[in-house]
Amino acid sequence: MTSVFFGRGTLRKFMDAAARFPAARITPSNVVDEGWHALILHTNLYERLCRRLGRFVHHWPERPAAGRMRRALLGRRRRGRR
């Protein structure tokens, strides 16, 4: 429960910074990113928040590093998944 409350305040601070500096494409912590994903699903609420911030804050998915992606694919193959 503590991480939920921590995440809310931190998510708001992150969203504020992302709105102020859109070209920076700052990366959120895992807790903030999980909260952001949940918030985006509530489109009306997300739209209202973005309006208050003065701009729409886009979520830019992180591309995994090549080595990380390769290891993930190898692991899937070992488990019989494609």
PDB file of N, CA and C in Angstrom:
ATOM      1  N   MET A   1       0.817  -1.192   0.000  1.00  0.00           N
ATOM      2  CA  MET A   1       0.000   0.000   0.000  1.00  0.00           C
ATOM      3  C   MET A   1       0.863   1.259   0.000  1.00  0.00           C
ATOM      4  N   THR A   2       1.983   1.225   0.681  1.00  0.00           N
ATOM      5  CA  THR A   2       2.859   2.392   0.745  1.00  0.00           C
ATOM      6  C   THR A   2       3.341   2.784  -0.643  1.00  0.00           C
ATOM      7  N   SER A   3       3.694   1.790  -1.469  1.00  0.00           N
ATOM      8  CA  SER A   3       4.189   2.112  -2.807  1.00  0.00           C
ATOM      9  C   SER A   3       3.114   2.783  -3.653  1.00  0.00           C
ATOM     10  N   VAL A   4       1.835   2.463  -3.397  1.00  0.00           N
ATOM     11  CA  VAL A   4       0.750   3.105  -4.141  1.00  0.00           C
ATOM     12  C   VAL A   4       0.719   4.590  -3.823  1.00  0.00           C
ATOM     13  N   PHE A   5       0.778   4.932  -2.538  1.00  0.00           N
ATOM     14  CA  PHE A   5       0.752   6.341  -2.152  1.00  0.00           C
ATOM     15  C   PHE A   5       2.025   7.052  -2.597  1.00  0.00           C
ATOM     16  N   PHE A   6       3.156   6.390  -2.471  1.00  0.00           N
ATOM     17  CA  PHE A   6       4.419   6.965  -2.943  1.00  0.00           C
ATOM     18  C   PHE A   6       4.339   7.215  -4.439  1.00  0.00           C
ATOM     19  N   GLY A   7       3.821   6.231  -5.161  1.00  0.00           N
ATOM     20  CA  GLY A   7       3.732   6.323  -6.611  1.00  0.00           C
ATOM     21  C   GLY A   7       2.843   7.452  -7.086  1.00  0.00           C
ATOM     22  N   ARG A   8       1.747   7.697  -6.389  1.00  0.00           N
ATOM     23  CA  ARG A   8       0.827   8.768  -6.798  1.00  0.00           C
ATOM     24  C   ARG A   8       1.503  10.128  -6.785  1.00  0.00           C
ATOM     25  N   GLY A   9       2.113  10.465  -5.671  1.00  0.00           N
ATOM     26  CA  GLY A   9       2.784  11.765  -5.563  1.00  0.00           C
ATOM     27  C   GLY A   9       3.947  11.877  -6.521  1.00  0.00           C
ATOM     28  N   THR A  10       4.677  10.804  -6.655  1.00  0.00           N
ATOM     29  CA  THR A  10       5.830  10.795  -7.549  1.00  0.00           C
ATOM     30  C   THR A  10       5.378  10.850  -9.002  1.00  0.00           C
ATOM     31  N   LEU A  11       4.285  10.167  -9.321  1.00  0.00           N
ATOM     32  CA  LEU A  11       3.736  10.218 -10.679  1.00  0.00           C
ATOM     33  C   LEU A  11       3.333  11.644 -11.025  1.00  0.00           C
ATOM     34  N   ARG A  12       2.695  12.328 -10.106  1.00  0.00           N
ATOM     35  CA  ARG A  12       2.271  13.719 -10.360  1.00  0.00           C
ATOM     36  C   ARG A  12       3.491  14.602 -10.617  1.00  0.00           C
ATOM     37  N   LYS A  13       4.542  14.422  -9.828  1.00  0.00           N
ATOM     38  CA  LYS A  13       5.769  15.208 -10.026  1.00  0.00           C
ATOM     39  C   LYS A  13       6.414  14.877 -11.372  1.00  0.00           C
ATOM     40  N   PHE A  14       6.422  13.589 -11.711  1.00  0.00           N
ATOM     41  CA  PHE A  14       6.982  13.175 -12.996  1.00  0.00           C
ATOM     42  C   PHE A  14       6.194  13.786 -14.147  1.00  0.00           C
ATOM     43  N   MET A  15       4.864  13.709 -14.070  1.00  0.00           N
ATOM     44  CA  MET A  15       4.020  14.256 -15.132  1.00  0.00           C
ATOM     45  C   MET A  15       4.245  15.755 -15.289  1.00  0.00           C
ATOM     46  N   ASP A  16       4.391  16.447 -14.177  1.00  0.00           N
ATOM     47  CA  ASP A  16       4.650  17.882 -14.219  1.00  0.00           C
ATOM     48  C   ASP A  16       5.974  18.165 -14.935  1.00  0.00           C
ATOM     49  N   ALA A  17       7.019  17.424 -14.578  1.00  0.00           N
ATOM     50  CA  ALA A  17       8.332  17.609 -15.217  1.00  0.00           C
ATOM     51  C   ALA A  17       8.277  17.244 -16.701  1.00  0.00           C
ATOM     52  N   ALA A  18       7.582  16.162 -17.033  1.00  0.00           N
ATOM     53  CA  ALA A  18       7.478  15.737 -18.431  1.00  0.00           C
ATOM     54  C   ALA A  18       6.719  16.769 -19.263  1.00  0.00           C
ATOM     55  N   ALA A  19       5.717  17.409 -18.668  1.00  0.00           N
ATOM     56  CA  ALA A  19       4.961  18.445 -19.380  1.00  0.00           C
ATOM     57  C   ALA A  19       5.803  19.703 -19.570  1.00  0.00           C
ATOM     58  N   ARG A  20       6.608  20.034 -18.581  1.00  0.00           N
ATOM     59  CA  ARG A  20       7.445  21.239 -18.673  1.00  0.00           C
ATOM     60  C   ARG A  20       8.601  21.079 -19.659  1.00  0.00           C
ATOM     61  N   PHE A  21       9.125  19.865 -19.756  1.00  0.00           N
ATOM     62  CA  PHE A  21      10.298  19.613 -20.600  1.00  0.00           C
ATOM     63  C   PHE A  21      10.026  18.448 -21.562  1.00  0.00           C
ATOM     64  N   PRO A  22       9.110  18.616 -22.517  1.00  0.00           N
ATOM     65  CA  PRO A  22       8.716  17.495 -23.380  1.00  0.00           C
ATOM     66  C   PRO A  22       9.833  16.944 -24.259  1.00  0.00           C
ATOM     67  N   ALA A  23      10.796  17.751 -24.616  1.00  0.00           N
ATOM     68  CA  ALA A  23      11.883  17.275 -25.477  1.00  0.00           C
ATOM     69  C   ALA A  23      12.868  16.395 -24.718  1.00  0.00           C
ATOM     70  N   ALA A  24      12.836  16.437 -23.393  1.00  0.00           N
ATOM     71  CA  ALA A  24      13.804  15.688 -22.585  1.00  0.00           C
ATOM     72  C   ALA A  24      13.529  14.188 -22.578  1.00  0.00           C
ATOM     73  N   ARG A  25      12.283  13.781 -22.772  1.00  0.00           N
ATOM     74  CA  ARG A  25      11.905  12.359 -22.704  1.00  0.00           C
ATOM     75  C   ARG A  25      12.509  11.682 -21.480  1.00  0.00           C
ATOM     76  N   ILE A  26      12.180  12.202 -20.325  1.00  0.00           N
ATOM     77  CA  ILE A  26      12.698  11.637 -19.080  1.00  0.00           C
ATOM     78  C   ILE A  26      12.091  10.261 -18.839  1.00  0.00           C
ATOM     79  N   THR A  27      12.830   9.413 -18.162  1.00  0.00           N
ATOM     80  CA  THR A  27      12.398   8.041 -17.901  1.00  0.00           C
ATOM     81  C   THR A  27      11.910   7.917 -16.466  1.00  0.00           C
ATOM     82  N   PRO A  28      10.684   7.430 -16.269  1.00  0.00           N
ATOM     83  CA  PRO A  28      10.168   7.285 -14.909  1.00  0.00           C
ATOM     84  C   PRO A  28      10.715   6.033 -14.230  1.00  0.00           C
ATOM     85  N   SER A  29      10.607   6.012 -12.910  1.00  0.00           N
ATOM     86  CA  SER A  29      10.952   4.796 -12.165  1.00  0.00           C
ATOM     87  C   SER A  29       9.923   3.719 -12.504  1.00  0.00           C
ATOM     88  N   ASN A  30      10.184   2.488 -12.111  1.00  0.00           N
ATOM     89  CA  ASN A  30       9.239   1.399 -12.376  1.00  0.00           C
ATOM     90  C   ASN A  30       7.895   1.645 -11.702  1.00  0.00           C
ATOM     91  N   VAL A  31       7.916   2.141 -10.461  1.00  0.00           N
ATOM     92  CA  VAL A  31       6.669   2.416  -9.733  1.00  0.00           C
ATOM     93  C   VAL A  31       5.858   3.474 -10.472  1.00  0.00           C
ATOM     94  N   VAL A  32       6.518   4.544 -10.889  1.00  0.00           N
ATOM     95  CA  VAL A  32       5.834   5.620 -11.608  1.00  0.00           C
ATOM     96  C   VAL A  32       5.322   5.112 -12.952  1.00  0.00           C
ATOM     97  N   ASP A  33       6.110   4.325 -13.660  1.00  0.00           N
ATOM     98  CA  ASP A  33       5.692   3.816 -14.964  1.00  0.00           C
ATOM     99  C   ASP A  33       4.465   2.924 -14.836  1.00  0.00           C
ATOM    100  N   GLU A  34       4.421   2.083 -13.811  1.00  0.00           N
ATOM    101  CA  GLU A  34       3.246   1.234 -13.597  1.00  0.00           C
ATOM    102  C   GLU A  34       2.012   2.084 -13.329  1.00  0.00           C
ATOM    103  N   GLY A  35       2.178   3.116 -12.515  1.00  0.00           N
ATOM    104  CA  GLY A  35       1.065   4.024 -12.242  1.00  0.00           C
ATOM    105  C   GLY A  35       0.623   4.771 -13.490  1.00  0.00           C
ATOM    106  N   TRP A  36       1.596   5.176 -14.294  1.00  0.00           N
ATOM    107  CA  TRP A  36       1.304   5.895 -15.531  1.00  0.00           C
ATOM    108  C   TRP A  36       0.499   5.012 -16.477  1.00  0.00           C
ATOM    109  N   HIS A  37       0.901   3.749 -16.607  1.00  0.00           N
ATOM    110  CA  HIS A  37       0.163   2.814 -17.463  1.00  0.00           C
ATOM    111  C   HIS A  37      -1.279   2.690 -16.986  1.00  0.00           C
ATOM    112  N   ALA A  38      -1.470   2.566 -15.686  1.00  0.00           N
ATOM    113  CA  ALA A  38      -2.822   2.457 -15.133  1.00  0.00           C
ATOM    114  C   ALA A  38      -3.616   3.735 -15.390  1.00  0.00           C
ATOM    115  N   LEU A  39      -2.983   4.877 -15.230  1.00  0.00           N
ATOM    116  CA  LEU A  39      -3.653   6.162 -15.431  1.00  0.00           C
ATOM    117  C   LEU A  39      -4.066   6.361 -16.884  1.00  0.00           C
ATOM    118  N   ILE A  40      -3.212   5.993 -17.815  1.00  0.00           N
ATOM    119  CA  ILE A  40      -3.514   6.172 -19.239  1.00  0.00           C
ATOM    120  C   ILE A  40      -4.784   5.417 -19.638  1.00  0.00           C
ATOM    121  N   LEU A  41      -5.059   4.297 -18.985  1.00  0.00           N
ATOM    122  CA  LEU A  41      -6.261   3.522 -19.299  1.00  0.00           C
ATOM    123  C   LEU A  41      -7.538   4.281 -18.958  1.00  0.00           C
ATOM    124  N   HIS A  42      -7.453   5.211 -18.035  1.00  0.00           N
ATOM    125  CA  HIS A  42      -8.595   6.051 -17.647  1.00  0.00           C
ATOM    126  C   HIS A  42      -8.496   7.347 -18.452  1.00  0.00           C
ATOM    127  N   THR A  43      -8.906   7.260 -19.712  1.00  0.00           N
ATOM    128  CA  THR A  43      -8.639   8.333 -20.669  1.00  0.00           C
ATOM    129  C   THR A  43      -9.229   9.679 -20.268  1.00  0.00           C
ATOM    130  N   ASN A  44     -10.432   9.691 -19.698  1.00  0.00           N
ATOM    131  CA  ASN A  44     -11.031  10.971 -19.285  1.00  0.00           C
ATOM    132  C   ASN A  44     -10.206  11.631 -18.192  1.00  0.00           C
ATOM    133  N   LEU A  45      -9.801  10.848 -17.216  1.00  0.00           N
ATOM    134  CA  LEU A  45      -8.982  11.361 -16.118  1.00  0.00           C
ATOM    135  C   LEU A  45      -7.619  11.830 -16.638  1.00  0.00           C
ATOM    136  N   TYR A  46      -7.019  11.035 -17.519  1.00  0.00           N
ATOM    137  CA  TYR A  46      -5.709  11.392 -18.076  1.00  0.00           C
ATOM    138  C   TYR A  46      -5.800  12.679 -18.896  1.00  0.00           C
ATOM    139  N   GLU A  47      -6.867  12.810 -19.666  1.00  0.00           N
ATOM    140  CA  GLU A  47      -7.059  14.029 -20.454  1.00  0.00           C
ATOM    141  C   GLU A  47      -7.188  15.254 -19.543  1.00  0.00           C
ATOM    142  N   ARG A  48      -7.955  15.137 -18.470  1.00  0.00           N
ATOM    143  CA  ARG A  48      -8.109  16.264 -17.530  1.00  0.00           C
ATOM    144  C   ARG A  48      -6.781  16.634 -16.893  1.00  0.00           C
ATOM    145  N   LEU A  49      -5.998  15.620 -16.499  1.00  0.00           N
ATOM    146  CA  LEU A  49      -4.691  15.892 -15.899  1.00  0.00           C
ATOM    147  C   LEU A  49      -3.793  16.622 -16.895  1.00  0.00           C
ATOM    148  N   CYS A  50      -3.760  16.145 -18.121  1.00  0.00           N
ATOM    149  CA  CYS A  50      -2.912  16.780 -19.139  1.00  0.00           C
ATOM    150  C   CYS A  50      -3.350  18.214 -19.406  1.00  0.00           C
ATOM    151  N   ARG A  51      -4.649  18.462 -19.390  1.00  0.00           N
ATOM    152  CA  ARG A  51      -5.133  19.841 -19.565  1.00  0.00           C
ATOM    153  C   ARG A  51      -4.635  20.735 -18.440  1.00  0.00           C
ATOM    154  N   ARG A  52      -4.694  20.215 -17.215  1.00  0.00           N
ATOM    155  CA  ARG A  52      -4.191  21.005 -16.076  1.00  0.00           C
ATOM    156  C   ARG A  52      -2.698  21.262 -16.200  1.00  0.00           C
ATOM    157  N   LEU A  53      -1.975  20.316 -16.778  1.00  0.00           N
ATOM    158  CA  LEU A  53      -0.530  20.473 -16.956  1.00  0.00           C
ATOM    159  C   LEU A  53      -0.197  21.401 -18.126  1.00  0.00           C
ATOM    160  N   GLY A  54      -1.173  21.652 -18.985  1.00  0.00           N
ATOM    161  CA  GLY A  54      -0.954  22.561 -20.101  1.00  0.00           C
ATOM    162  C   GLY A  54      -0.537  21.900 -21.401  1.00  0.00           C
ATOM    163  N   ARG A  55      -0.378  20.597 -21.389  1.00  0.00           N
ATOM    164  CA  ARG A  55      -0.038  19.870 -22.619  1.00  0.00           C
ATOM    165  C   ARG A  55      -0.258  18.375 -22.400  1.00  0.00           C
ATOM    166  N   PHE A  56      -0.441  17.677 -23.524  1.00  0.00           N
ATOM    167  CA  PHE A  56      -0.579  16.223 -23.473  1.00  0.00           C
ATOM    168  C   PHE A  56       0.799  15.617 -23.264  1.00  0.00           C
ATOM    169  N   VAL A  57       0.916  14.718 -22.312  1.00  0.00           N
ATOM    170  CA  VAL A  57       2.198  14.061 -22.030  1.00  0.00           C
ATOM    171  C   VAL A  57       2.174  12.680 -22.684  1.00  0.00           C
ATOM    172  N   HIS A  58       2.996  12.508 -23.696  1.00  0.00           N
ATOM    173  CA  HIS A  58       3.074  11.236 -24.415  1.00  0.00           C
ATOM    174  C   HIS A  58       3.901  10.227 -23.630  1.00  0.00           C
ATOM    175  N   HIS A  59       3.504   8.978 -23.741  1.00  0.00           N
ATOM    176  CA  HIS A  59       4.277   7.889 -23.141  1.00  0.00           C
ATOM    177  C   HIS A  59       5.138   7.299 -24.243  1.00  0.00           C
ATOM    178  N   TRP A  60       6.438   7.401 -24.089  1.00  0.00           N
ATOM    179  CA  TRP A  60       7.376   6.853 -25.069  1.00  0.00           C
ATOM    180  C   TRP A  60       7.905   5.534 -24.518  1.00  0.00           C
ATOM    181  N   PRO A  61       7.496   4.390 -25.087  1.00  0.00           N
ATOM    182  CA  PRO A  61       7.980   3.104 -24.589  1.00  0.00           C
ATOM    183  C   PRO A  61       9.493   2.999 -24.706  1.00  0.00           C
ATOM    184  N   GLU A  62      10.075   2.404 -23.701  1.00  0.00           N
ATOM    185  CA  GLU A  62      11.528   2.194 -23.708  1.00  0.00           C
ATOM    186  C   GLU A  62      11.839   1.005 -24.596  1.00  0.00           C
ATOM    187  N   ARG A  63      12.799   1.178 -25.465  1.00  0.00           N
ATOM    188  CA  ARG A  63      13.252   0.056 -26.290  1.00  0.00           C
ATOM    189  C   ARG A  63      14.288  -0.718 -25.487  1.00  0.00           C
ATOM    190  N   PRO A  64      14.093  -2.020 -25.356  1.00  0.00           N
ATOM    191  CA  PRO A  64      15.075  -2.791 -24.596  1.00  0.00           C
ATOM    192  C   PRO A  64      16.426  -2.820 -25.299  1.00  0.00           C
ATOM    193  N   ALA A  65      17.465  -2.897 -24.524  1.00  0.00           N
ATOM    194  CA  ALA A  65      18.817  -3.003 -25.073  1.00  0.00           C
ATOM    195  C   ALA A  65      18.911  -4.284 -25.898  1.00  0.00           C
ATOM    196  N   ALA A  66      19.730  -4.265 -26.924  1.00  0.00           N
ATOM    197  CA  ALA A  66      19.845  -5.410 -27.837  1.00  0.00           C
ATOM    198  C   ALA A  66      20.168  -6.701 -27.088  1.00  0.00           C
ATOM    199  N   GLY A  67      21.100  -6.663 -26.157  1.00  0.00           N
ATOM    200  CA  GLY A  67      21.465  -7.856 -25.400  1.00  0.00           C
ATOM    201  C   GLY A  67      20.317  -8.373 -24.556  1.00  0.00           C
ATOM    202  N   ARG A  68      19.567  -7.465 -23.977  1.00  0.00           N
ATOM    203  CA  ARG A  68      18.426  -7.850 -23.148  1.00  0.00           C
ATOM    204  C   ARG A  68      17.355  -8.520 -24.004  1.00  0.00           C
ATOM    205  N   MET A  69      17.089  -7.951 -25.171  1.00  0.00           N
ATOM    206  CA  MET A  69      16.097  -8.522 -26.078  1.00  0.00           C
ATOM    207  C   MET A  69      16.532  -9.909 -26.545  1.00  0.00           C
ATOM    208  N   ARG A  70      17.805 -10.056 -26.890  1.00  0.00           N
ATOM    209  CA  ARG A  70      18.325 -11.349 -27.351  1.00  0.00           C
ATOM    210  C   ARG A  70      18.175 -12.405 -26.262  1.00  0.00           C
ATOM    211  N   ARG A  71      18.526 -12.052 -25.019  1.00  0.00           N
ATOM    212  CA  ARG A  71      18.404 -13.000 -23.900  1.00  0.00           C
ATOM    213  C   ARG A  71      16.945 -13.393 -23.678  1.00  0.00           C
ATOM    214  N   ALA A  72      16.041 -12.434 -23.805  1.00  0.00           N
ATOM    215  CA  ALA A  72      14.617 -12.729 -23.626  1.00  0.00           C
ATOM    216  C   ALA A  72      14.124 -13.694 -24.700  1.00  0.00           C
ATOM    217  N   LEU A  73      14.538 -13.473 -25.942  1.00  0.00           N
ATOM    218  CA  LEU A  73      14.124 -14.360 -27.029  1.00  0.00           C
ATOM    219  C   LEU A  73      14.703 -15.756 -26.864  1.00  0.00           C
ATOM    220  N   LEU A  74      15.960 -15.843 -26.447  1.00  0.00           N
ATOM    221  CA  LEU A  74      16.571 -17.156 -26.206  1.00  0.00           C
ATOM    222  C   LEU A  74      15.848 -17.894 -25.091  1.00  0.00           C
ATOM    223  N   GLY A  75      15.489 -17.175 -24.045  1.00  0.00           N
ATOM    224  CA  GLY A  75      14.750 -17.784 -22.939  1.00  0.00           C
ATOM    225  C   GLY A  75      13.400 -18.311 -23.386  1.00  0.00           C
ATOM    226  N   ARG A  76      12.717 -17.567 -24.226  1.00  0.00           N
ATOM    227  CA  ARG A  76      11.419 -18.016 -24.748  1.00  0.00           C
ATOM    228  C   ARG A  76      11.588 -19.278 -25.590  1.00  0.00           C
ATOM    229  N   ARG A  77      12.630 -19.311 -26.408  1.00  0.00           N
ATOM    230  CA  ARG A  77      12.864 -20.490 -27.254  1.00  0.00           C
ATOM    231  C   ARG A  77      13.157 -21.716 -26.394  1.00  0.00           C
ATOM    232  N   ARG A  78      13.934 -21.515 -25.334  1.00  0.00           N
ATOM    233  CA  ARG A  78      14.265 -22.645 -24.448  1.00  0.00           C
ATOM    234  C   ARG A  78      13.010 -23.213 -23.793  1.00  0.00           C
ATOM    235  N   ARG A  79      12.042 -22.352 -23.546  1.00  0.00           N
ATOM    236  CA  ARG A  79      10.796 -22.800 -22.921  1.00  0.00           C
ATOM    237  C   ARG A  79       9.780 -23.280 -23.960  1.00  0.00           C
ATOM    238  N   GLY A  80      10.198 -23.325 -25.239  1.00  0.00           N
ATOM    239  CA  GLY A  80       9.325 -23.827 -26.288  1.00  0.00           C
ATOM    240  C   GLY A  80       8.348 -22.806 -26.834  1.00  0.00           C
ATOM    241  N   ARG A  81       8.606 -21.522 -26.582  1.00  0.00           N
ATOM    242  CA  ARG A  81       7.728 -20.461 -27.101  1.00  0.00           C
ATOM    243  C   ARG A  81       8.440 -19.726 -28.215  1.00  0.00           C
ATOM    244  N   ARG A  82       7.734 -19.222 -29.139  1.00  0.00           N
ATOM    245  CA  ARG A  82       8.328 -18.475 -30.255  1.00  0.00           C
ATOM    246  C   ARG A  82       8.082 -17.035 -30.123  1.00  0.00           C
TER     247      ARG A  82
END
